[in-house]
Amino acid sequence: MTGQSADGAALGAFPAARSEARLLVPALIFIALVVAAVASLGTPLITSVATSFHVSLGSAQWTLTVALLSGAVATPILGRLGAGPHRRATILATLAVVVAGSALTVLPVPFAWLLAGRAAQGVGLGLTALMMGVARDHLPEERSATVIALISVVSIIGAGVGYPLAALLAELGGVRAAYGLGLVVTAAALLTAWRSMPEAPEGRSAHVDVAGAVVLAAALLLVLFLAGERNLWSRHLAVAAGLACVAAVLLCAWAVIELRSTTPLVDVRAVRHPAVAGANLAMFVGGIGMYLLLTLITRYAQMPHGAGYGFGLTTFVAGLVLIPFSVLGFVAGKLTPRVRTRIADPLLVAGSAVVVGGGFALFAAARSDLAELFAAMGVLGFGVGGFSAAMPGVILVATPKSETSSAMSFNYVVRSVGYSLGSAVGGSILAAGTGPGHLFPDDSDYTTAALVGIGAMAITTLTSLALARRRWSGTNP
């Protein structure tokens, strides 16, 4: 980076020294990686939390769920604030909240305070879209597209980075030591943002639609709660169905509020653009499939030998299975911007969905050897990396520069819901296959879940191909 944007205005909007301006790109990627890794810390530590705090595994699961919930709720609000003149202050304040939450997870406090700390850490997930907005405003167009793609990729592979390291620290020094890692890296992210984040361009406004924010938050809380509480569906179906109807009504009410608002939280009219709507649909269904396979592989790897299958891996060793996911995901993220010059983004999304589908097929057909799980995870990582790197291009081609943060924040809300449903779908299929008196599902139930995932990725592929066809028709009358 030279410190200049395509129109020469970047230095005016970024009063820092030229040497500090060069820190912008690595700072954006680092912050996106940190917030993703810290939010995912709940996954490898669930068992350790249950043991340390003397709570059930179901209660300990909330250390992950509450972070996803707060992230989904905060993302559209931060996206709107990030579209305004106070973006730098929003980024710094949000990271300060994340650091405070990280401190709570380290202190010797009761379980309820640990959940509060995890909720504060989850708020940081809303910063990913803001990092994209900064890149689009302060970098040349070609450079910003590459950086945005990398930000999108690291926001997903961050889980693979944090998982094994947190699991190792938990084994060596307990759950507090693992959460201490989160405190260190979030403090470093705050310092990095303070040194490198530029002010937003002049002429922006940031009026937050409070009514829309409250209604959307309530709807998302219900959706993600229902996705995570599988026992509610099996034991109290009428209650679960009623809450699902309430969530649907709230989402409809939110859409009406946004359409009538002069300062909407999310520009619903822009979201209705065929390219944006199609991209969000692909993200939603693809997210279900991608997280489903991630859940299946990690769970299969840790399945005890008494089940008649699986490898009985410890949490740390199982975390190492995620290394191919992260490495090949990053490789795909680096390759995708180069390929974009020859292949349209929707086609790249479609191709990446096919790759993820191939990961499902590999897992369904061959999982008797640990190397086969590593291979399936690597294929998944490569597909997810390409998918994530190409997705912003599909959305931003139809989005004004000033609405970058808002548009991408909505896409990440859709992704969060898809991921939560993917985890729920996998758990439900495996639970349904666990017969009375049995502790574990049959091996064949993993194959059934994989076939469901192949179907989800087929839908994602067809949706993306429809987007590609529409774009080709629009450019070739």
Protein backbone atom coordinates (compact mmCIF):
# COMPACT_ATOMS: atom_id res chain seq x y z
CA MET A 1 0.00 0.00 0.00
CA THR A 2 1.33 3.46 -0.87
CA GLY A 3 -1.01 5.47 1.35
CA GLN A 4 -3.06 6.76 -1.59
CA SER A 5 -6.47 5.70 -2.85
CA ALA A 6 -7.58 5.66 -6.45
CA ASP A 7 -9.00 9.18 -6.21
CA GLY A 8 -6.12 10.50 -4.12
CA ALA A 9 -8.33 11.18 -1.13
CA ALA A 10 -7.08 8.50 1.21
CA LEU A 11 -4.34 10.63 2.71
CA GLY A 12 -6.83 13.36 3.49
CA ALA A 13 -9.05 10.92 5.28
CA PHE A 14 -6.11 9.19 6.93
CA PRO A 15 -3.95 11.83 8.70
CA ALA A 16 -1.48 9.29 10.09
CA ALA A 17 2.10 9.14 8.87
CA ARG A 18 2.85 7.28 5.67
CA SER A 19 4.69 4.55 7.60
CA GLU A 20 1.61 4.01 9.75
CA ALA A 21 -0.62 3.96 6.67
CA ARG A 22 1.27 0.90 5.48
CA LEU A 23 0.00 -0.92 8.56
CA LEU A 24 -3.62 -0.66 7.45
CA VAL A 25 -3.88 -3.87 5.41
CA PRO A 26 -2.24 -6.21 7.96
CA ALA A 27 -4.19 -4.45 10.72
CA LEU A 28 -7.52 -5.10 9.00
CA ILE A 29 -6.69 -8.79 8.49
CA PHE A 30 -5.31 -9.18 12.02
CA ILE A 31 -8.39 -7.68 13.68
CA ALA A 32 -10.76 -9.83 11.59
CA LEU A 33 -8.72 -12.93 12.49
CA VAL A 34 -8.67 -12.09 16.21
CA VAL A 35 -12.39 -11.49 16.63
CA ALA A 36 -13.21 -14.71 14.75
CA ALA A 37 -10.71 -16.79 16.74
CA VAL A 38 -11.79 -15.37 20.11
CA ALA A 39 -15.49 -15.91 19.40
CA SER A 40 -14.74 -19.56 18.52
CA LEU A 41 -12.90 -20.19 21.80
CA GLY A 42 -16.09 -21.61 23.29
CA THR A 43 -15.98 -24.67 21.03
CA PRO A 44 -12.91 -26.50 22.35
CA LEU A 45 -13.47 -25.43 25.96
CA ILE A 46 -17.03 -26.66 26.55
CA THR A 47 -15.97 -29.79 28.44
CA SER A 48 -13.34 -27.88 30.44
CA VAL A 49 -15.88 -25.22 31.40
CA ALA A 50 -18.39 -27.84 32.52
CA THR A 51 -15.74 -29.45 34.74
CA SER A 52 -14.25 -26.24 36.12
CA PHE A 53 -17.56 -24.53 36.90
CA HIS A 54 -19.47 -27.68 37.86
CA VAL A 55 -22.23 -27.10 35.30
CA SER A 56 -23.84 -29.40 32.76
CA LEU A 57 -22.52 -29.73 29.23
CA GLY A 58 -25.74 -28.09 28.02
CA SER A 59 -25.05 -25.07 30.19
CA ALA A 60 -21.40 -24.98 29.15
CA GLN A 61 -22.53 -25.00 25.49
CA TRP A 62 -23.85 -21.49 26.08
CA THR A 63 -20.28 -20.20 26.24
CA LEU A 64 -20.32 -20.68 22.45
CA THR A 65 -23.99 -19.95 21.79
CA VAL A 66 -24.05 -16.64 23.66
CA ALA A 67 -21.08 -15.37 21.62
CA LEU A 68 -22.85 -16.23 18.36
CA LEU A 69 -26.04 -14.59 19.61
CA SER A 70 -24.40 -11.33 20.64
CA GLY A 71 -22.41 -11.27 17.40
CA ALA A 72 -25.53 -11.73 15.28
CA VAL A 73 -27.35 -8.98 17.16
CA ALA A 74 -24.43 -6.55 17.17
CA THR A 75 -23.40 -7.03 13.53
CA PRO A 76 -26.15 -5.02 11.78
CA ILE A 77 -25.96 -2.24 14.40
CA LEU A 78 -22.20 -1.94 14.05
CA GLY A 79 -22.59 -2.13 10.29
CA ARG A 80 -24.81 0.94 10.31
CA LEU A 81 -22.55 2.82 12.75
CA GLY A 82 -19.59 1.86 10.61
CA ALA A 83 -21.24 3.46 7.57
CA GLY A 84 -21.25 6.84 9.36
CA PRO A 85 -18.68 9.45 10.36
CA HIS A 86 -17.74 7.78 13.66
CA ARG A 87 -16.43 4.51 12.28
CA ARG A 88 -13.03 4.75 13.97
CA ALA A 89 -14.64 5.45 17.34
CA THR A 90 -17.06 2.55 16.77
CA ILE A 91 -14.20 0.15 16.04
CA LEU A 92 -12.21 1.22 19.08
CA ALA A 93 -15.23 1.15 21.42
CA THR A 94 -16.22 -2.30 20.19
CA LEU A 95 -12.73 -3.68 20.69
CA ALA A 96 -12.69 -2.14 24.18
CA VAL A 97 -15.89 -4.08 24.95
CA VAL A 98 -14.25 -7.26 23.61
CA VAL A 99 -11.16 -6.70 25.79
CA ALA A 100 -13.36 -6.11 28.86
CA GLY A 101 -15.24 -9.32 28.09
CA SER A 102 -11.95 -11.18 27.69
CA ALA A 103 -10.87 -9.96 31.11
CA LEU A 104 -14.08 -11.33 32.61
CA THR A 105 -13.37 -14.77 31.17
CA VAL A 106 -9.97 -14.82 32.90
CA LEU A 107 -10.99 -13.51 36.34
CA PRO A 108 -12.13 -15.99 39.04
CA VAL A 109 -15.80 -15.08 38.73
CA PRO A 110 -19.01 -17.19 38.78
CA PHE A 111 -20.31 -18.91 35.64
CA ALA A 112 -22.86 -16.17 34.93
CA TRP A 113 -20.05 -13.62 34.64
CA LEU A 114 -18.17 -15.95 32.30
CA LEU A 115 -21.23 -15.96 30.03
CA ALA A 116 -21.33 -12.16 30.19
CA GLY A 117 -17.69 -12.05 29.15
CA ARG A 118 -18.32 -14.43 26.26
CA ALA A 119 -21.26 -12.28 25.12
CA ALA A 120 -18.97 -9.23 25.12
CA GLN A 121 -16.37 -11.15 23.10
CA GLY A 122 -19.02 -12.13 20.57
CA VAL A 123 -19.81 -8.48 19.86
CA GLY A 124 -16.48 -8.33 18.06
CA LEU A 125 -17.87 -10.49 15.26
CA GLY A 126 -19.62 -7.37 14.00
CA LEU A 127 -16.27 -5.78 13.19
CA THR A 128 -15.61 -7.95 10.14
CA ALA A 129 -17.95 -5.92 7.95
CA LEU A 130 -16.41 -2.69 9.24
CA MET A 131 -12.96 -3.89 8.25
CA MET A 132 -14.32 -4.40 4.73
CA GLY A 133 -15.78 -0.90 4.73
CA VAL A 134 -12.42 0.58 5.72
CA ALA A 135 -10.66 -1.36 2.97
CA ARG A 136 -13.13 -0.23 0.32
CA ASP A 137 -12.89 3.42 1.38
CA HIS A 138 -9.12 3.73 1.81
CA LEU A 139 -7.54 1.39 -0.72
CA PRO A 140 -7.46 1.45 -4.52
CA GLU A 141 -10.30 -0.54 -6.04
CA GLU A 142 -8.23 -3.52 -7.19
CA ARG A 143 -6.31 -3.69 -3.91
CA SER A 144 -9.44 -3.32 -1.81
CA ALA A 145 -11.13 -6.25 -3.57
CA THR A 146 -8.20 -8.51 -2.69
CA VAL A 147 -8.09 -7.35 0.92
CA ILE A 148 -11.85 -7.70 1.36
CA ALA A 149 -11.63 -11.27 0.07
CA LEU A 150 -8.87 -12.06 2.60
CA ILE A 151 -10.84 -10.47 5.43
CA SER A 152 -13.79 -12.66 4.52
CA VAL A 153 -11.60 -15.77 4.51
CA VAL A 154 -9.81 -15.14 7.82
CA SER A 155 -13.14 -14.43 9.50
CA ILE A 156 -13.94 -18.10 8.89
CA ILE A 157 -10.58 -19.84 9.22
CA GLY A 158 -10.02 -18.02 12.51
CA ALA A 159 -11.83 -20.89 14.19
CA GLY A 160 -9.23 -23.31 12.90
CA VAL A 161 -6.45 -21.10 14.24
CA GLY A 162 -7.85 -20.67 17.74
CA TYR A 163 -9.26 -24.16 18.29
CA PRO A 164 -6.05 -26.28 18.69
CA LEU A 165 -4.13 -23.58 20.57
CA ALA A 166 -6.95 -22.99 23.05
CA ALA A 167 -7.37 -26.74 23.55
CA LEU A 168 -3.64 -27.14 24.26
CA LEU A 169 -3.64 -24.29 26.78
CA ALA A 170 -6.71 -25.79 28.47
CA GLU A 171 -4.91 -29.13 28.84
CA LEU A 172 -1.74 -27.49 30.19
CA GLY A 173 -3.09 -24.70 32.38
CA GLY A 174 -6.85 -25.01 32.62
CA VAL A 175 -9.71 -23.06 31.12
CA ARG A 176 -8.51 -19.70 32.51
CA ALA A 177 -5.19 -20.08 30.68
CA ALA A 178 -7.01 -20.74 27.42
CA TYR A 179 -9.21 -17.68 27.86
CA GLY A 180 -6.08 -15.73 28.77
CA LEU A 181 -5.00 -16.17 25.16
CA GLY A 182 -8.15 -14.29 24.15
CA LEU A 183 -7.29 -11.41 26.48
CA VAL A 184 -3.78 -11.07 25.07
CA VAL A 185 -4.77 -11.08 21.40
CA THR A 186 -7.80 -8.79 21.83
CA ALA A 187 -5.66 -6.26 23.69
CA ALA A 188 -3.19 -6.43 20.81
CA ALA A 189 -6.06 -5.91 18.34
CA LEU A 190 -7.24 -2.82 20.24
CA LEU A 191 -3.74 -1.34 20.19
CA THR A 192 -3.43 -2.15 16.49
CA ALA A 193 -6.75 -0.45 15.70
CA TRP A 194 -5.81 2.62 17.72
CA ARG A 195 -2.58 2.96 15.75
CA SER A 196 -3.88 2.22 12.25
CA MET A 197 -7.63 2.80 11.80
CA PRO A 198 -8.43 5.89 9.69
CA GLU A 199 -11.37 8.20 10.09
CA ALA A 200 -14.33 7.67 7.76
CA PRO A 201 -14.65 9.89 4.67
CA GLU A 202 -16.55 13.12 5.19
CA GLY A 203 -20.23 13.45 4.34
CA ARG A 204 -21.41 10.23 5.95
CA SER A 205 -24.37 9.95 8.31
CA ALA A 206 -24.98 7.27 10.93
CA HIS A 207 -28.50 7.43 12.28
CA VAL A 208 -29.32 4.08 13.85
CA ASP A 209 -32.88 2.83 13.46
CA VAL A 210 -33.46 1.94 17.12
CA ALA A 211 -36.88 0.34 16.55
CA GLY A 212 -35.52 -1.79 13.73
CA ALA A 213 -32.51 -2.79 15.82
CA VAL A 214 -34.68 -3.92 18.74
CA VAL A 215 -37.07 -5.94 16.56
CA LEU A 216 -34.25 -7.56 14.58
CA ALA A 217 -32.38 -8.41 17.79
CA ALA A 218 -35.46 -10.09 19.23
CA ALA A 219 -36.04 -12.07 16.03
CA LEU A 220 -32.40 -13.21 15.79
CA LEU A 221 -32.34 -14.19 19.46
CA LEU A 222 -35.35 -16.43 18.88
CA VAL A 223 -33.98 -17.93 15.64
CA LEU A 224 -30.57 -18.76 17.08
CA PHE A 225 -32.04 -19.94 20.38
CA LEU A 226 -34.34 -22.34 18.52
CA ALA A 227 -31.44 -23.53 16.38
CA GLY A 228 -29.36 -24.32 19.45
CA GLU A 229 -32.04 -25.87 21.67
CA ARG A 230 -32.64 -29.22 19.99
CA ASN A 231 -34.25 -30.68 23.11
CA LEU A 232 -37.00 -28.09 22.89
CA TRP A 233 -38.04 -29.43 19.49
CA SER A 234 -38.05 -33.04 20.63
CA ARG A 235 -39.77 -32.53 23.99
CA HIS A 236 -41.93 -29.42 23.51
CA LEU A 237 -42.70 -29.26 19.78
CA ALA A 238 -45.73 -26.96 20.18
CA VAL A 239 -43.70 -24.41 22.16
CA ALA A 240 -40.85 -24.52 19.65
CA ALA A 241 -43.24 -24.11 16.72
CA GLY A 242 -44.95 -21.20 18.45
CA LEU A 243 -41.64 -19.44 19.04
CA ALA A 244 -40.68 -20.04 15.41
CA CYS A 245 -43.91 -18.34 14.31
CA VAL A 246 -43.16 -15.40 16.61
CA ALA A 247 -39.68 -15.11 15.08
CA ALA A 248 -41.17 -15.12 11.57
CA VAL A 249 -43.64 -12.38 12.53
CA LEU A 250 -40.85 -10.29 14.04
CA LEU A 251 -38.74 -10.63 10.89
CA CYS A 252 -41.69 -9.51 8.76
CA ALA A 253 -42.31 -6.58 11.11
CA TRP A 254 -38.64 -5.66 10.92
CA ALA A 255 -38.75 -5.62 7.11
CA VAL A 256 -41.77 -3.29 7.19
CA ILE A 257 -40.04 -0.98 9.68
CA GLU A 258 -36.93 -0.83 7.53
CA LEU A 259 -38.88 -0.07 4.35
CA ARG A 260 -40.65 2.82 6.07
CA SER A 261 -37.58 4.23 7.80
CA THR A 262 -35.60 7.08 6.28
CA THR A 263 -32.49 5.78 8.04
CA PRO A 264 -32.89 1.97 7.96
CA LEU A 265 -30.59 -0.32 9.88
CA VAL A 266 -30.22 -2.36 6.68
CA ASP A 267 -31.25 -1.04 3.28
CA VAL A 268 -33.89 -3.68 2.57
CA ARG A 269 -34.47 -2.32 -0.93
CA ALA A 270 -30.80 -2.93 -1.72
CA VAL A 271 -31.03 -6.39 -0.14
CA ARG A 272 -33.91 -7.14 -2.52
CA HIS A 273 -31.61 -6.56 -5.50
CA PRO A 274 -31.46 -9.94 -7.28
CA ALA A 275 -27.67 -10.17 -6.99
CA VAL A 276 -27.67 -9.34 -3.27
CA ALA A 277 -30.71 -11.50 -2.48
CA GLY A 278 -29.26 -14.42 -4.40
CA ALA A 279 -25.90 -14.04 -2.66
CA ASN A 280 -27.56 -14.01 0.74
CA LEU A 281 -29.59 -17.11 -0.15
CA ALA A 282 -26.41 -18.87 -1.27
CA MET A 283 -24.69 -17.76 1.94
CA PHE A 284 -27.56 -19.04 4.08
CA VAL A 285 -27.86 -22.50 2.49
CA GLY A 286 -24.11 -22.79 1.97
CA GLY A 287 -23.51 -21.82 5.58
CA ILE A 288 -25.77 -24.63 6.73
CA GLY A 289 -23.81 -27.12 4.66
CA MET A 290 -20.34 -25.85 5.51
CA TYR A 291 -20.86 -25.82 9.27
CA LEU A 292 -22.64 -29.16 9.10
CA LEU A 293 -19.54 -30.85 7.65
CA LEU A 294 -17.25 -29.07 10.12
CA THR A 295 -19.44 -30.37 12.96
CA LEU A 296 -19.59 -33.91 11.58
CA ILE A 297 -15.83 -34.27 11.11
CA THR A 298 -14.83 -32.86 14.51
CA ARG A 299 -17.45 -34.93 16.30
CA TYR A 300 -16.49 -38.12 14.43
CA ALA A 301 -12.82 -37.58 15.27
CA GLN A 302 -13.60 -37.44 19.01
CA MET A 303 -16.06 -40.33 19.04
CA PRO A 304 -14.77 -42.93 21.55
CA HIS A 305 -13.76 -46.38 20.31
CA GLY A 306 -16.63 -47.88 22.28
CA ALA A 307 -19.01 -46.51 19.66
CA GLY A 308 -17.59 -48.97 17.13
CA TYR A 309 -16.17 -46.18 14.98
CA GLY A 310 -14.33 -42.89 15.40
CA PHE A 311 -10.84 -42.25 16.75
CA GLY A 312 -11.30 -41.19 20.38
CA LEU A 313 -9.09 -38.12 19.95
CA THR A 314 -8.51 -35.65 22.77
CA THR A 315 -9.74 -32.10 22.35
CA PHE A 316 -6.27 -30.85 21.42
CA VAL A 317 -5.54 -33.60 18.88
CA ALA A 318 -9.01 -33.19 17.40
CA GLY A 319 -8.22 -29.50 17.03
CA LEU A 320 -5.25 -30.41 14.87
CA VAL A 321 -7.72 -31.86 12.37
CA LEU A 322 -8.71 -28.25 11.70
CA ILE A 323 -5.23 -27.31 10.52
CA PRO A 324 -5.86 -28.47 6.90
CA PHE A 325 -9.10 -26.48 7.02
CA SER A 326 -7.29 -23.27 7.94
CA VAL A 327 -4.25 -23.76 5.69
CA LEU A 328 -6.15 -24.66 2.52
CA GLY A 329 -8.81 -22.08 3.30
CA PHE A 330 -6.13 -19.40 3.36
CA VAL A 331 -4.58 -20.76 0.16
CA ALA A 332 -7.96 -20.56 -1.58
CA GLY A 333 -8.44 -17.05 -0.26
CA LYS A 334 -5.11 -15.98 -1.77
CA LEU A 335 -5.80 -17.66 -5.11
CA THR A 336 -9.39 -16.45 -5.57
CA PRO A 337 -8.61 -12.74 -6.21
CA ARG A 338 -6.24 -13.75 -9.01
CA VAL A 339 -8.82 -16.02 -10.61
CA ARG A 340 -11.51 -13.30 -10.39
CA THR A 341 -9.94 -11.54 -13.37
CA ARG A 342 -10.98 -14.48 -15.57
CA ILE A 343 -13.99 -16.01 -13.80
CA ALA A 344 -17.02 -14.11 -12.49
CA ASP A 345 -17.62 -14.12 -8.74
CA PRO A 346 -20.92 -16.06 -8.93
CA LEU A 347 -19.17 -18.83 -10.87
CA LEU A 348 -16.42 -18.91 -8.24
CA VAL A 349 -19.06 -19.24 -5.52
CA ALA A 350 -20.70 -22.06 -7.47
CA GLY A 351 -17.38 -23.83 -7.99
CA SER A 352 -16.50 -23.48 -4.32
CA ALA A 353 -19.88 -24.96 -3.35
CA VAL A 354 -19.09 -27.94 -5.57
CA VAL A 355 -15.76 -28.36 -3.77
CA VAL A 356 -17.51 -28.34 -0.37
CA GLY A 357 -19.94 -30.91 -1.76
CA GLY A 358 -16.92 -32.98 -2.70
CA GLY A 359 -15.78 -32.79 0.91
CA PHE A 360 -19.13 -34.21 1.98
CA ALA A 361 -18.84 -37.01 -0.59
CA LEU A 362 -15.33 -37.85 0.60
CA PHE A 363 -16.46 -37.98 4.22
CA ALA A 364 -19.47 -40.12 3.34
CA ALA A 365 -17.40 -42.61 1.35
CA ALA A 366 -14.12 -42.81 3.28
CA ARG A 367 -13.59 -42.10 6.96
CA SER A 368 -12.04 -45.30 8.34
CA ASP A 369 -8.59 -43.70 8.52
CA LEU A 370 -7.60 -40.47 10.25
CA ALA A 371 -5.81 -39.31 7.10
CA GLU A 372 -9.16 -39.43 5.29
CA LEU A 373 -10.63 -37.04 7.86
CA PHE A 374 -7.70 -34.70 7.32
CA ALA A 375 -8.31 -34.89 3.56
CA ALA A 376 -12.04 -34.16 3.93
CA MET A 377 -11.28 -31.23 6.22
CA GLY A 378 -8.75 -29.89 3.72
CA VAL A 379 -11.27 -30.09 0.88
CA LEU A 380 -13.81 -28.32 3.07
CA GLY A 381 -11.31 -25.59 3.92
CA PHE A 382 -10.41 -25.00 0.27
CA GLY A 383 -14.08 -24.78 -0.69
CA VAL A 384 -14.98 -22.50 2.22
CA GLY A 385 -11.98 -20.29 1.50
CA GLY A 386 -12.96 -19.82 -2.13
CA PHE A 387 -16.61 -19.34 -1.22
CA SER A 388 -15.81 -16.68 1.37
CA ALA A 389 -13.34 -14.85 -0.85
CA ALA A 390 -15.75 -14.64 -3.80
CA MET A 391 -18.94 -13.81 -1.87
CA PRO A 392 -18.15 -10.11 -1.15
CA GLY A 393 -17.63 -9.48 -4.86
CA VAL A 394 -21.13 -10.77 -5.64
CA ILE A 395 -22.68 -8.40 -3.11
CA LEU A 396 -20.53 -5.29 -3.47
CA VAL A 397 -20.94 -5.07 -7.25
CA ALA A 398 -24.51 -3.95 -6.55
CA THR A 399 -23.76 -1.96 -3.37
CA PRO A 400 -22.77 1.73 -3.07
CA LYS A 401 -19.41 2.27 -1.37
CA SER A 402 -21.03 4.07 1.57
CA GLU A 403 -23.21 0.99 2.27
CA THR A 404 -20.37 -1.55 2.27
CA SER A 405 -20.39 -2.16 6.03
CA SER A 406 -24.19 -2.35 6.21
CA ALA A 407 -24.54 -4.73 3.24
CA MET A 408 -21.79 -7.06 4.41
CA SER A 409 -23.05 -7.01 8.00
CA PHE A 410 -26.40 -8.32 6.82
CA ASN A 411 -24.63 -11.06 4.87
CA TYR A 412 -22.77 -12.05 8.02
CA VAL A 413 -26.00 -12.20 9.99
CA VAL A 414 -27.32 -14.57 7.34
CA ARG A 415 -24.11 -16.59 7.65
CA SER A 416 -24.42 -16.79 11.45
CA VAL A 417 -27.97 -18.08 11.19
CA GLY A 418 -26.90 -20.60 8.54
CA TYR A 419 -24.01 -21.83 10.67
CA SER A 420 -26.27 -22.22 13.71
CA LEU A 421 -28.81 -24.17 11.69
CA GLY A 422 -26.04 -26.32 10.21
CA SER A 423 -24.92 -27.30 13.69
CA ALA A 424 -28.53 -27.94 14.72
CA VAL A 425 -29.25 -30.04 11.63
CA GLY A 426 -26.21 -32.22 12.26
CA GLY A 427 -27.08 -32.67 15.91
CA SER A 428 -30.69 -33.49 15.11
CA ILE A 429 -29.82 -36.14 12.51
CA LEU A 430 -27.35 -37.81 14.85
CA ALA A 431 -29.74 -37.59 17.80
CA ALA A 432 -32.53 -39.15 15.74
CA GLY A 433 -30.19 -42.04 14.92
CA THR A 434 -29.35 -42.71 18.57
CA GLY A 435 -31.64 -45.55 19.57
CA PRO A 436 -33.16 -46.04 23.03
CA GLY A 437 -30.56 -47.17 25.52
CA HIS A 438 -27.68 -46.20 23.23
CA LEU A 439 -25.16 -43.44 23.90
CA PHE A 440 -24.00 -42.94 20.33
CA PRO A 441 -25.61 -42.77 16.89
CA ASP A 442 -24.91 -45.41 14.25
CA ASP A 443 -22.04 -44.84 11.87
CA SER A 444 -24.56 -44.77 9.01
CA ASP A 445 -26.19 -41.68 10.50
CA TYR A 446 -23.06 -39.70 9.68
CA THR A 447 -23.50 -40.80 6.07
CA THR A 448 -27.13 -39.63 6.16
CA ALA A 449 -26.05 -36.24 7.48
CA ALA A 450 -23.40 -36.01 4.76
CA LEU A 451 -26.01 -36.68 2.07
CA VAL A 452 -28.13 -33.86 3.50
CA GLY A 453 -25.08 -31.62 3.23
CA ILE A 454 -24.56 -32.60 -0.41
CA GLY A 455 -28.15 -31.52 -1.06
CA ALA A 456 -27.54 -28.16 0.62
CA MET A 457 -24.44 -27.52 -1.47
CA ALA A 458 -26.33 -28.51 -4.64
CA ILE A 459 -28.91 -25.82 -3.88
CA THR A 460 -26.10 -23.34 -3.24
CA THR A 461 -24.47 -24.24 -6.55
CA LEU A 462 -27.69 -23.82 -8.53
CA THR A 463 -28.40 -20.46 -6.86
CA SER A 464 -24.92 -19.21 -7.71
CA LEU A 465 -25.19 -20.41 -11.30
CA ALA A 466 -28.48 -18.52 -11.61
CA LEU A 467 -26.67 -15.38 -10.42
CA ALA A 468 -23.91 -15.94 -12.96
CA ARG A 469 -26.42 -16.41 -15.75
CA ARG A 470 -28.27 -13.24 -14.79
CA ARG A 471 -25.03 -11.23 -14.74
CA TRP A 472 -23.99 -12.65 -18.13
CA SER A 473 -27.41 -11.82 -19.59
CA GLY A 474 -27.16 -8.29 -18.20
CA THR A 475 -23.82 -7.68 -19.85
CA ASN A 476 -24.69 -9.41 -23.13
CA PRO A 477 -28.08 -8.15 -24.31
